[in-house]
N, C-alpha and C. Protein backbone atom coordinates (compact mmCIF):
# COMPACT_ATOMS: atom_id res chain seq x y z
N MET A 1 0.66 -68.27 -2.35
CA MET A 1 -0.46 -68.45 -1.44
C MET A 1 -1.76 -68.20 -2.21
N GLU A 2 -2.63 -69.17 -2.20
CA GLU A 2 -3.88 -69.08 -2.96
C GLU A 2 -4.99 -68.60 -2.03
N LYS A 3 -5.70 -67.57 -2.49
CA LYS A 3 -6.79 -67.00 -1.72
C LYS A 3 -8.06 -67.79 -2.00
N VAL A 4 -8.79 -68.16 -0.97
CA VAL A 4 -10.02 -68.91 -1.13
C VAL A 4 -11.19 -67.93 -1.06
N VAL A 5 -12.04 -68.00 -2.09
CA VAL A 5 -13.19 -67.12 -2.18
C VAL A 5 -14.44 -67.96 -1.98
N SER A 6 -15.36 -67.45 -1.16
CA SER A 6 -16.60 -68.21 -0.93
C SER A 6 -17.41 -68.26 -2.22
N GLU A 7 -18.24 -69.30 -2.34
CA GLU A 7 -19.05 -69.48 -3.54
C GLU A 7 -19.99 -68.31 -3.75
N ALA A 8 -20.45 -67.70 -2.68
CA ALA A 8 -21.38 -66.57 -2.78
C ALA A 8 -20.73 -65.38 -3.48
N GLU A 9 -19.41 -65.24 -3.35
CA GLU A 9 -18.71 -64.12 -3.97
C GLU A 9 -18.25 -64.41 -5.39
N GLU A 10 -18.26 -65.66 -5.79
CA GLU A 10 -17.80 -66.01 -7.13
C GLU A 10 -18.81 -65.58 -8.18
N LEU A 11 -18.31 -65.10 -9.29
CA LEU A 11 -19.18 -64.78 -10.41
C LEU A 11 -19.43 -66.06 -11.20
N PRO A 12 -20.61 -66.21 -11.77
CA PRO A 12 -20.90 -67.42 -12.54
C PRO A 12 -19.93 -67.57 -13.72
N LYS A 13 -19.24 -68.70 -13.77
CA LYS A 13 -18.22 -68.92 -14.80
C LYS A 13 -18.79 -68.86 -16.21
N ALA A 14 -19.96 -69.41 -16.41
CA ALA A 14 -20.57 -69.42 -17.75
C ALA A 14 -20.84 -68.00 -18.24
N ILE A 15 -21.28 -67.14 -17.34
CA ILE A 15 -21.56 -65.76 -17.73
C ILE A 15 -20.26 -65.02 -18.03
N VAL A 16 -19.25 -65.23 -17.19
CA VAL A 16 -17.95 -64.59 -17.42
C VAL A 16 -17.40 -65.04 -18.78
N ARG A 17 -17.47 -66.34 -19.06
CA ARG A 17 -16.98 -66.88 -20.33
C ARG A 17 -17.74 -66.24 -21.51
N ARG A 18 -19.06 -66.14 -21.40
CA ARG A 18 -19.87 -65.58 -22.47
C ARG A 18 -19.54 -64.10 -22.71
N VAL A 19 -19.40 -63.33 -21.62
CA VAL A 19 -19.07 -61.90 -21.75
C VAL A 19 -17.71 -61.73 -22.41
N VAL A 20 -16.72 -62.50 -21.95
CA VAL A 20 -15.36 -62.39 -22.51
C VAL A 20 -15.36 -62.78 -23.98
N LYS A 21 -15.97 -63.91 -24.32
CA LYS A 21 -15.97 -64.39 -25.71
C LYS A 21 -16.75 -63.43 -26.63
N ASP A 22 -17.88 -62.89 -26.14
CA ASP A 22 -18.63 -61.92 -26.94
C ASP A 22 -17.80 -60.67 -27.23
N LYS A 23 -17.12 -60.18 -26.21
CA LYS A 23 -16.31 -58.97 -26.39
C LYS A 23 -15.12 -59.25 -27.31
N LEU A 24 -14.49 -60.41 -27.13
CA LEU A 24 -13.36 -60.75 -27.99
C LEU A 24 -13.80 -60.95 -29.44
N SER A 25 -14.98 -61.52 -29.65
CA SER A 25 -15.45 -61.71 -31.02
C SER A 25 -15.80 -60.38 -31.66
N ASP A 26 -16.21 -59.38 -30.85
CA ASP A 26 -16.45 -58.04 -31.38
C ASP A 26 -15.14 -57.39 -31.81
N CYS A 27 -14.08 -57.65 -31.05
CA CYS A 27 -12.76 -57.07 -31.34
C CYS A 27 -12.10 -57.71 -32.55
N SER A 28 -12.29 -59.00 -32.73
CA SER A 28 -11.67 -59.69 -33.86
C SER A 28 -12.67 -60.71 -34.44
N PRO A 29 -13.59 -60.22 -35.28
CA PRO A 29 -14.65 -61.10 -35.79
C PRO A 29 -14.15 -62.21 -36.73
N ASP A 30 -12.94 -62.05 -37.26
CA ASP A 30 -12.41 -63.04 -38.20
C ASP A 30 -11.87 -64.29 -37.51
N TYR A 31 -11.62 -64.20 -36.22
CA TYR A 31 -11.00 -65.31 -35.51
C TYR A 31 -11.93 -65.84 -34.41
N ASP A 32 -11.89 -67.14 -34.21
CA ASP A 32 -12.59 -67.75 -33.08
C ASP A 32 -11.56 -67.91 -31.98
N ILE A 33 -11.60 -67.02 -31.02
CA ILE A 33 -10.59 -67.01 -29.98
C ILE A 33 -11.01 -67.89 -28.82
N ASN A 34 -10.12 -68.77 -28.41
CA ASN A 34 -10.35 -69.60 -27.24
C ASN A 34 -9.71 -68.93 -26.04
N VAL A 35 -10.31 -69.09 -24.90
CA VAL A 35 -9.81 -68.48 -23.68
C VAL A 35 -9.46 -69.59 -22.71
N HIS A 36 -8.22 -69.56 -22.25
CA HIS A 36 -7.73 -70.58 -21.32
C HIS A 36 -8.46 -70.45 -19.97
N LYS A 37 -8.59 -71.54 -19.29
CA LYS A 37 -9.28 -71.60 -18.00
C LYS A 37 -8.69 -70.60 -17.00
N ASP A 38 -7.38 -70.50 -16.97
CA ASP A 38 -6.72 -69.56 -16.06
C ASP A 38 -7.05 -68.11 -16.41
N ALA A 39 -7.17 -67.83 -17.71
CA ALA A 39 -7.52 -66.48 -18.14
C ALA A 39 -8.95 -66.14 -17.69
N LEU A 40 -9.86 -67.11 -17.82
CA LEU A 40 -11.23 -66.88 -17.36
C LEU A 40 -11.27 -66.64 -15.86
N LEU A 41 -10.47 -67.39 -15.13
CA LEU A 41 -10.38 -67.20 -13.68
C LEU A 41 -9.85 -65.81 -13.36
N ALA A 42 -8.85 -65.36 -14.12
CA ALA A 42 -8.29 -64.01 -13.92
C ALA A 42 -9.35 -62.94 -14.21
N PHE A 43 -10.11 -63.12 -15.31
CA PHE A 43 -11.19 -62.17 -15.62
C PHE A 43 -12.21 -62.14 -14.47
N SER A 44 -12.61 -63.31 -14.02
CA SER A 44 -13.61 -63.43 -12.97
C SER A 44 -13.15 -62.77 -11.67
N GLU A 45 -11.93 -63.05 -11.30
CA GLU A 45 -11.37 -62.48 -10.07
C GLU A 45 -11.22 -60.97 -10.19
N SER A 46 -10.78 -60.50 -11.37
CA SER A 46 -10.64 -59.06 -11.59
C SER A 46 -12.00 -58.36 -11.50
N ALA A 47 -13.01 -58.95 -12.09
CA ALA A 47 -14.36 -58.38 -12.05
C ALA A 47 -14.89 -58.35 -10.62
N ARG A 48 -14.64 -59.42 -9.88
CA ARG A 48 -15.09 -59.48 -8.49
C ARG A 48 -14.44 -58.39 -7.66
N ILE A 49 -13.13 -58.20 -7.83
CA ILE A 49 -12.41 -57.17 -7.09
C ILE A 49 -12.91 -55.78 -7.48
N PHE A 50 -13.16 -55.58 -8.78
CA PHE A 50 -13.68 -54.30 -9.26
C PHE A 50 -15.05 -54.01 -8.62
N ILE A 51 -15.90 -55.02 -8.57
CA ILE A 51 -17.24 -54.85 -7.98
C ILE A 51 -17.12 -54.48 -6.50
N HIS A 52 -16.20 -55.13 -5.79
CA HIS A 52 -16.00 -54.82 -4.37
C HIS A 52 -15.51 -53.39 -4.20
N TYR A 53 -14.56 -52.99 -5.00
CA TYR A 53 -13.98 -51.65 -4.92
C TYR A 53 -15.03 -50.59 -5.26
N LEU A 54 -15.78 -50.82 -6.33
CA LEU A 54 -16.82 -49.89 -6.74
C LEU A 54 -17.92 -49.80 -5.69
N SER A 55 -18.34 -50.92 -5.17
CA SER A 55 -19.42 -50.90 -4.17
C SER A 55 -18.95 -50.24 -2.86
N ALA A 56 -17.70 -50.45 -2.46
CA ALA A 56 -17.18 -49.80 -1.25
C ALA A 56 -17.13 -48.28 -1.44
N THR A 57 -16.70 -47.85 -2.62
CA THR A 57 -16.63 -46.42 -2.91
C THR A 57 -18.03 -45.81 -2.94
N ALA A 58 -18.98 -46.50 -3.60
CA ALA A 58 -20.36 -46.02 -3.66
C ALA A 58 -20.98 -46.00 -2.26
N ASN A 59 -20.62 -46.97 -1.43
CA ASN A 59 -21.12 -47.01 -0.05
C ASN A 59 -20.62 -45.80 0.73
N ASP A 60 -19.34 -45.43 0.52
CA ASP A 60 -18.80 -44.24 1.19
C ASP A 60 -19.55 -42.99 0.76
N ILE A 61 -19.84 -42.89 -0.53
CA ILE A 61 -20.59 -41.73 -1.05
C ILE A 61 -21.98 -41.69 -0.42
N CYS A 62 -22.58 -42.83 -0.31
CA CYS A 62 -23.92 -42.94 0.29
C CYS A 62 -23.88 -42.50 1.76
N LYS A 63 -22.87 -42.95 2.49
CA LYS A 63 -22.75 -42.59 3.90
C LYS A 63 -22.49 -41.10 4.07
N GLU A 64 -21.70 -40.51 3.16
CA GLU A 64 -21.44 -39.07 3.20
C GLU A 64 -22.74 -38.28 3.04
N SER A 65 -23.67 -38.85 2.29
CA SER A 65 -24.98 -38.22 2.08
C SER A 65 -25.96 -38.57 3.21
N LYS A 66 -25.46 -39.29 4.20
CA LYS A 66 -26.26 -39.71 5.36
C LYS A 66 -27.49 -40.52 4.94
N ARG A 67 -27.24 -41.46 4.02
CA ARG A 67 -28.29 -42.39 3.58
C ARG A 67 -27.80 -43.81 3.78
N GLN A 68 -28.74 -44.74 3.86
CA GLN A 68 -28.38 -46.14 4.02
C GLN A 68 -28.62 -46.94 2.75
N THR A 69 -29.35 -46.37 1.82
CA THR A 69 -29.67 -47.09 0.59
C THR A 69 -28.89 -46.50 -0.57
N MET A 70 -28.13 -47.37 -1.22
CA MET A 70 -27.33 -46.97 -2.36
C MET A 70 -28.22 -46.89 -3.60
N ASN A 71 -28.01 -45.86 -4.43
CA ASN A 71 -28.77 -45.76 -5.67
C ASN A 71 -27.84 -45.63 -6.86
N ALA A 72 -28.39 -45.56 -8.05
CA ALA A 72 -27.59 -45.53 -9.27
C ALA A 72 -26.66 -44.31 -9.31
N GLU A 73 -27.13 -43.19 -8.82
CA GLU A 73 -26.30 -41.98 -8.81
C GLU A 73 -25.04 -42.18 -7.98
N ASP A 74 -25.15 -42.93 -6.90
CA ASP A 74 -23.98 -43.23 -6.07
C ASP A 74 -22.96 -44.03 -6.87
N ILE A 75 -23.44 -44.96 -7.69
CA ILE A 75 -22.55 -45.76 -8.54
C ILE A 75 -21.86 -44.88 -9.58
N PHE A 76 -22.63 -43.97 -10.19
CA PHE A 76 -22.04 -43.07 -11.20
C PHE A 76 -20.96 -42.20 -10.57
N LYS A 77 -21.24 -41.66 -9.39
CA LYS A 77 -20.25 -40.82 -8.70
C LYS A 77 -19.02 -41.65 -8.31
N ALA A 78 -19.25 -42.88 -7.88
CA ALA A 78 -18.13 -43.76 -7.50
C ALA A 78 -17.26 -44.06 -8.71
N LEU A 79 -17.88 -44.30 -9.87
CA LEU A 79 -17.10 -44.55 -11.09
C LEU A 79 -16.21 -43.35 -11.42
N GLU A 80 -16.75 -42.16 -11.26
CA GLU A 80 -15.94 -40.96 -11.51
C GLU A 80 -14.82 -40.83 -10.48
N GLU A 81 -15.15 -41.15 -9.22
CA GLU A 81 -14.15 -41.04 -8.15
C GLU A 81 -12.99 -42.01 -8.33
N ILE A 82 -13.28 -43.21 -8.83
CA ILE A 82 -12.19 -44.18 -9.03
C ILE A 82 -11.61 -44.09 -10.45
N GLU A 83 -11.91 -42.97 -11.09
CA GLU A 83 -11.35 -42.62 -12.40
C GLU A 83 -11.76 -43.57 -13.53
N PHE A 84 -13.04 -43.95 -13.52
CA PHE A 84 -13.63 -44.71 -14.62
C PHE A 84 -14.81 -43.93 -15.19
N SER A 85 -14.64 -42.61 -15.30
CA SER A 85 -15.73 -41.74 -15.74
C SER A 85 -16.19 -42.05 -17.17
N GLU A 86 -15.33 -42.69 -17.97
CA GLU A 86 -15.73 -43.03 -19.35
C GLU A 86 -16.85 -44.07 -19.38
N PHE A 87 -17.09 -44.74 -18.26
CA PHE A 87 -18.16 -45.74 -18.20
C PHE A 87 -19.52 -45.14 -17.80
N VAL A 88 -19.50 -43.92 -17.28
CA VAL A 88 -20.73 -43.32 -16.76
C VAL A 88 -21.77 -43.12 -17.86
N LYS A 89 -21.37 -42.54 -18.97
CA LYS A 89 -22.33 -42.25 -20.05
C LYS A 89 -22.95 -43.53 -20.63
N PRO A 90 -22.14 -44.55 -21.00
CA PRO A 90 -22.77 -45.78 -21.51
C PRO A 90 -23.61 -46.50 -20.45
N LEU A 91 -23.20 -46.41 -19.20
CA LEU A 91 -23.96 -47.06 -18.14
C LEU A 91 -25.32 -46.37 -17.95
N LYS A 92 -25.32 -45.04 -18.01
CA LYS A 92 -26.59 -44.31 -17.90
C LYS A 92 -27.52 -44.66 -19.05
N ALA A 93 -26.96 -44.77 -20.25
CA ALA A 93 -27.78 -45.14 -21.42
C ALA A 93 -28.35 -46.55 -21.26
N SER A 94 -27.51 -47.46 -20.80
CA SER A 94 -27.95 -48.84 -20.58
C SER A 94 -29.02 -48.92 -19.50
N LEU A 95 -28.85 -48.16 -18.44
CA LEU A 95 -29.83 -48.13 -17.35
C LEU A 95 -31.16 -47.55 -17.83
N ALA A 96 -31.10 -46.50 -18.63
CA ALA A 96 -32.33 -45.90 -19.16
C ALA A 96 -33.07 -46.90 -20.05
N GLU A 97 -32.33 -47.62 -20.88
CA GLU A 97 -32.93 -48.63 -21.75
C GLU A 97 -33.57 -49.75 -20.92
N PHE A 98 -32.87 -50.17 -19.89
CA PHE A 98 -33.38 -51.22 -19.00
C PHE A 98 -34.68 -50.76 -18.33
N ARG A 99 -34.68 -49.52 -17.86
CA ARG A 99 -35.87 -48.99 -17.19
C ARG A 99 -37.05 -48.88 -18.15
N MET A 100 -36.77 -48.50 -19.39
CA MET A 100 -37.85 -48.39 -20.39
C MET A 100 -38.46 -49.76 -20.65
N LYS A 101 -37.61 -50.76 -20.82
CA LYS A 101 -38.10 -52.12 -21.07
C LYS A 101 -38.93 -52.63 -19.90
N ASN A 102 -38.46 -52.39 -18.70
CA ASN A 102 -39.13 -52.90 -17.51
C ASN A 102 -40.34 -52.07 -17.11
N ALA A 103 -40.43 -50.83 -17.56
CA ALA A 103 -41.59 -50.00 -17.24
C ALA A 103 -42.84 -50.64 -17.82
N GLY A 104 -42.77 -51.13 -19.05
CA GLY A 104 -43.91 -51.79 -19.67
C GLY A 104 -44.25 -53.07 -18.94
N LYS A 105 -43.24 -53.82 -18.52
CA LYS A 105 -43.47 -55.07 -17.80
C LYS A 105 -44.12 -54.80 -16.46
N LYS A 106 -43.67 -53.74 -15.77
CA LYS A 106 -44.24 -53.41 -14.46
C LYS A 106 -45.70 -53.01 -14.61
N GLY A 107 -45.99 -52.22 -15.65
CA GLY A 107 -47.37 -51.80 -15.90
C GLY A 107 -48.26 -53.00 -16.16
N GLU A 108 -47.77 -53.90 -16.98
CA GLU A 108 -48.53 -55.12 -17.29
C GLU A 108 -48.73 -55.97 -16.05
N ALA A 109 -47.68 -56.09 -15.26
CA ALA A 109 -47.75 -56.90 -14.04
C ALA A 109 -48.75 -56.28 -13.06
N ALA A 110 -48.75 -54.95 -12.95
CA ALA A 110 -49.68 -54.28 -12.04
C ALA A 110 -51.12 -54.48 -12.49
N LYS A 111 -51.35 -54.38 -13.81
CA LYS A 111 -52.70 -54.61 -14.34
C LYS A 111 -53.15 -56.04 -14.09
N GLU A 112 -52.24 -56.98 -14.32
CA GLU A 112 -52.55 -58.39 -14.11
C GLU A 112 -52.88 -58.66 -12.64
N LYS A 113 -52.11 -58.05 -11.75
CA LYS A 113 -52.33 -58.22 -10.32
C LYS A 113 -53.69 -57.65 -9.92
N GLU A 114 -54.03 -56.48 -10.48
CA GLU A 114 -55.32 -55.86 -10.19
C GLU A 114 -56.47 -56.73 -10.69
N MET A 115 -56.31 -57.32 -11.87
CA MET A 115 -57.35 -58.21 -12.41
C MET A 115 -57.53 -59.44 -11.52
N LYS A 116 -56.43 -59.99 -11.03
CA LYS A 116 -56.51 -61.15 -10.13
C LYS A 116 -57.26 -60.78 -8.86
N LYS A 117 -56.98 -59.57 -8.32
CA LYS A 117 -57.67 -59.13 -7.12
C LYS A 117 -59.16 -59.02 -7.37
N LYS A 118 -59.53 -58.44 -8.53
CA LYS A 118 -60.94 -58.28 -8.87
C LYS A 118 -61.62 -59.64 -8.99
N ARG A 119 -60.95 -60.57 -9.69
CA ARG A 119 -61.52 -61.92 -9.85
C ARG A 119 -61.71 -62.59 -8.50
N LYS A 120 -60.72 -62.45 -7.65
CA LYS A 120 -60.78 -63.07 -6.33
C LYS A 120 -61.93 -62.46 -5.52
N ALA A 121 -62.07 -61.14 -5.59
CA ALA A 121 -63.16 -60.47 -4.87
C ALA A 121 -64.50 -60.91 -5.41
N GLU A 122 -64.61 -61.01 -6.74
CA GLU A 122 -65.87 -61.47 -7.35
C GLU A 122 -66.18 -62.90 -6.95
N ASP A 123 -65.15 -63.75 -6.98
CA ASP A 123 -65.34 -65.15 -6.59
C ASP A 123 -65.81 -65.26 -5.15
N SER A 124 -65.19 -64.49 -4.26
CA SER A 124 -65.57 -64.58 -2.86
C SER A 124 -66.96 -64.00 -2.63
N SER A 125 -67.32 -62.94 -3.38
CA SER A 125 -68.67 -62.39 -3.20
C SER A 125 -69.71 -63.35 -3.75
N VAL A 126 -69.39 -64.01 -4.84
CA VAL A 126 -70.32 -65.00 -5.41
C VAL A 126 -70.48 -66.15 -4.43
N LYS A 127 -69.35 -66.61 -3.87
CA LYS A 127 -69.40 -67.70 -2.90
C LYS A 127 -70.17 -67.29 -1.66
N SER A 128 -69.90 -66.08 -1.15
CA SER A 128 -70.60 -65.64 0.06
C SER A 128 -72.07 -65.39 -0.27
N GLY A 129 -72.37 -64.90 -1.46
CA GLY A 129 -73.76 -64.73 -1.89
C GLY A 129 -74.46 -66.06 -1.97
N THR A 130 -73.79 -67.07 -2.47
CA THR A 130 -74.35 -68.42 -2.56
C THR A 130 -74.58 -68.97 -1.17
N LYS A 131 -73.62 -68.74 -0.28
CA LYS A 131 -73.77 -69.22 1.09
C LYS A 131 -74.95 -68.53 1.76
N THR A 132 -75.07 -67.21 1.56
CA THR A 132 -76.18 -66.47 2.15
C THR A 132 -77.50 -67.00 1.62
N LYS A 133 -77.55 -67.21 0.32
CA LYS A 133 -78.75 -67.74 -0.31
C LYS A 133 -79.07 -69.13 0.25
N GLN A 134 -78.02 -69.94 0.39
CA GLN A 134 -78.19 -71.30 0.92
C GLN A 134 -78.69 -71.25 2.36
N LYS A 135 -78.11 -70.35 3.16
CA LYS A 135 -78.54 -70.22 4.56
C LYS A 135 -80.00 -69.79 4.63
N LYS A 136 -80.37 -68.84 3.75
CA LYS A 136 -81.74 -68.36 3.73
C LYS A 136 -82.70 -69.51 3.40
N GLU A 137 -82.31 -70.30 2.40
CA GLU A 137 -83.14 -71.45 2.02
C GLU A 137 -83.23 -72.45 3.17
N ASP A 138 -82.14 -72.68 3.87
CA ASP A 138 -82.13 -73.60 5.01
C ASP A 138 -83.04 -73.07 6.11
N ASN A 139 -82.97 -71.77 6.38
CA ASN A 139 -83.82 -71.17 7.41
C ASN A 139 -85.30 -71.30 7.03
N ASP A 140 -85.62 -71.05 5.75
CA ASP A 140 -87.00 -71.18 5.28
C ASP A 140 -87.49 -72.60 5.46
N ASN A 141 -86.64 -73.57 5.12
CA ASN A 141 -87.01 -74.98 5.27
C ASN A 141 -87.23 -75.34 6.73
N GLU A 142 -86.39 -74.81 7.63
CA GLU A 142 -86.54 -75.07 9.05
C GLU A 142 -87.86 -74.49 9.57
N GLU A 143 -88.18 -73.27 9.09
CA GLU A 143 -89.43 -72.64 9.52
C GLU A 143 -90.62 -73.47 9.06
N GLU A 144 -90.57 -73.97 7.83
CA GLU A 144 -91.65 -74.81 7.31
C GLU A 144 -91.78 -76.08 8.14
N ASP A 145 -90.63 -76.68 8.47
CA ASP A 145 -90.64 -77.90 9.29
C ASP A 145 -91.26 -77.61 10.66
N ASP A 146 -90.88 -76.45 11.24
CA ASP A 146 -91.42 -76.07 12.54
C ASP A 146 -92.93 -75.88 12.46
N GLU A 147 -93.39 -75.21 11.39
CA GLU A 147 -94.83 -74.99 11.21
C GLU A 147 -95.57 -76.32 11.06
N ASN A 148 -94.98 -77.23 10.28
CA ASN A 148 -95.59 -78.54 10.08
C ASN A 148 -95.67 -79.31 11.39
N GLU A 149 -94.62 -79.22 12.21
CA GLU A 149 -94.62 -79.90 13.50
C GLU A 149 -95.69 -79.31 14.41
N ASP A 150 -95.79 -77.96 14.37
CA ASP A 150 -96.81 -77.30 15.20
C ASP A 150 -98.22 -77.74 14.79
N GLU A 151 -98.46 -77.84 13.48
CA GLU A 151 -99.76 -78.26 12.98
C GLU A 151 -100.03 -79.70 13.40
N GLU A 152 -99.05 -80.55 13.32
CA GLU A 152 -99.21 -81.95 13.72
C GLU A 152 -99.51 -82.05 15.21
N ASP A 153 -98.79 -81.22 15.99
CA ASP A 153 -99.03 -81.21 17.43
C ASP A 153 -100.45 -80.75 17.72
N ASN A 154 -100.88 -79.71 17.03
CA ASN A 154 -102.23 -79.16 17.23
C ASN A 154 -103.28 -80.17 16.80
N ASN A 155 -103.07 -80.86 15.69
CA ASN A 155 -104.01 -81.85 15.19
C ASN A 155 -104.05 -83.06 16.11
N GLY A 156 -102.92 -83.42 16.64
CA GLY A 156 -102.84 -84.60 17.50
C GLY A 156 -103.44 -84.36 18.85
N SER A 157 -103.44 -83.13 19.35
CA SER A 157 -103.92 -82.85 20.69
C SER A 157 -105.42 -82.59 20.69
N GLU A 158 -106.06 -82.42 19.55
CA GLU A 158 -107.49 -82.15 19.49
C GLU A 158 -108.27 -83.37 19.54
């Protein structure tokens, strides 16, 4: 009996293939190892099941803490609970490296966003200043026209 998995739950085949081939080439650099399609499917399905199991365990830990949002510590505790504690240390190192790399990106993105806000505010103030100036000029012109009309009326009635 073949189990049907929705596309949303499937892991990307290209990524699974790349991860498997990279790891195998690390294990035996002298050989170019080919991986059969069924083997890739088995890796993919195993990884999917592992992710479900790990996330369910981490979710239970989160619920025990009376929280609704899962965090990295919940994943680390779940790994220990399902007896994969040897992955905790490398995962923490990888997460720290990821955070360091993204901290600079976030800082740059925040600065860029702030600059865009400033430019937008300056642009709108310049535009509103121009509009105010234009309105003032229009009002002055209207007043001059009104004065000219009054003078013409006065000259015409005398």
